[in-house]
Protein backbone atom coordinates (compact mmCIF):
# COMPACT_ATOMS: atom_id res chain seq x y z
CA MET A 1 0.01 0.00 0.01
CA PRO A 2 1.47 3.39 -0.82
CA ARG A 3 2.72 5.54 2.07
CA ALA A 4 -0.16 8.31 1.52
CA ARG A 5 -2.89 5.68 1.54
CA GLU A 6 -1.40 4.02 4.64
CA MET A 7 -1.49 7.41 6.61
CA MET A 8 -4.87 8.21 5.18
CA THR A 9 -6.35 4.99 6.73
CA GLU A 10 -4.92 5.93 10.14
CA TRP A 11 -6.31 9.43 9.77
CA VAL A 12 -9.79 8.20 8.71
CA VAL A 13 -10.06 5.96 11.83
CA GLU A 14 -8.71 8.71 14.00
CA ALA A 15 -11.33 11.24 12.51
CA LEU A 16 -14.22 8.59 13.00
CA GLN A 17 -12.99 7.92 16.73
CA GLN A 18 -13.41 11.75 17.21
CA LEU A 19 -17.00 11.73 15.51
CA GLY A 20 -18.03 9.03 17.72
CA GLY A 21 -17.68 6.01 15.45
CA ARG A 22 -19.57 7.22 12.44
CA GLY A 23 -19.79 10.40 9.98
CA THR A 24 -20.24 11.50 6.48
CA ILE A 25 -17.40 11.77 3.94
CA LEU A 26 -17.55 15.57 4.49
CA ASP A 27 -17.37 15.23 8.29
CA ILE A 28 -14.25 13.05 7.92
CA SER A 29 -12.63 15.24 5.56
CA ARG A 30 -13.02 18.15 7.68
CA ARG A 31 -11.62 16.47 10.55
CA VAL A 32 -8.58 15.17 8.56
CA TRP A 33 -7.95 18.48 7.08
CA ASP A 34 -8.24 20.24 10.49
CA ARG A 35 -5.92 17.95 12.09
CA HIS A 36 -3.42 17.22 9.38
CA GLU A 37 -3.30 20.14 7.04
CA PRO A 38 0.18 20.80 7.67
CA ASP A 39 1.24 17.09 6.92
CA ILE A 40 -0.92 17.31 3.71
CA ARG A 41 0.72 20.31 2.49
CA ALA A 42 4.12 19.22 3.30
CA ALA A 43 3.74 15.87 1.43
CA GLY A 44 4.08 17.30 -2.12
CA ASP A 45 1.43 16.00 -4.45
CA LEU A 46 -0.69 14.72 -1.58
CA LEU A 47 -2.10 18.41 -1.35
CA TYR A 48 -3.89 17.58 -4.76
CA GLU A 49 -4.66 13.90 -4.02
CA TRP A 50 -5.70 13.83 -0.51
CA GLN A 51 -9.44 13.42 -0.87
CA TYR A 52 -8.84 10.68 -3.62
CA GLU A 53 -6.58 8.85 -1.30
CA LEU A 54 -9.13 9.33 1.68
CA ARG A 55 -11.81 7.45 -0.45
CA TRP A 56 -9.40 4.65 -1.20
CA ALA A 57 -8.60 4.40 2.51
CA GLY A 58 -12.45 3.88 3.11
CA ASP A 59 -12.49 1.06 0.64
CA ILE A 60 -9.34 -0.55 2.04
CA LEU A 61 -10.81 -0.03 5.68
CA ARG A 62 -14.15 -1.80 4.61
CA ARG A 63 -12.19 -4.59 2.86
CA ASP A 64 -10.26 -5.10 6.13
CA GLY A 65 -13.44 -5.13 8.14
CA VAL A 66 -12.72 -1.85 10.11
CA LEU A 67 -15.50 -0.07 8.62
CA ARG A 68 -18.98 -1.54 8.22
CA PRO A 69 -20.03 -2.57 4.72
CA THR A 70 -21.90 -0.28 2.61
CA GLU A 71 -25.09 -2.11 2.67
CA ASP A 72 -25.15 -2.11 6.48
CA VAL A 73 -25.17 1.72 6.87
CA PRO A 74 -27.08 4.62 5.41
CA ARG A 75 -25.82 6.02 2.03
CA GLY A 76 -22.87 8.34 2.54
CA ILE A 77 -22.10 7.12 5.89
CA TRP A 78 -18.86 5.62 7.08
CA GLU A 79 -19.05 3.82 10.51
CA LEU A 80 -16.41 1.83 12.44
CA ALA A 81 -17.27 -1.82 12.81
């Protein structure tokens, strides 16, 4: 897994924990940006790719059982399993 994607999976879990275990992609994106903006800006191209990587992180976390499957949560919600 590329390093940016690995970081993003950690940041998504962190954001969801701060949100009480579930949130919309917008809520998660805001939390990640608020907490990690300096890291994102310092990581070169990640500034332009971070939301793409965030969505990939969601797919990886679902596949690994960290997030509940899409069919088990309302549309647009990410929830820790």
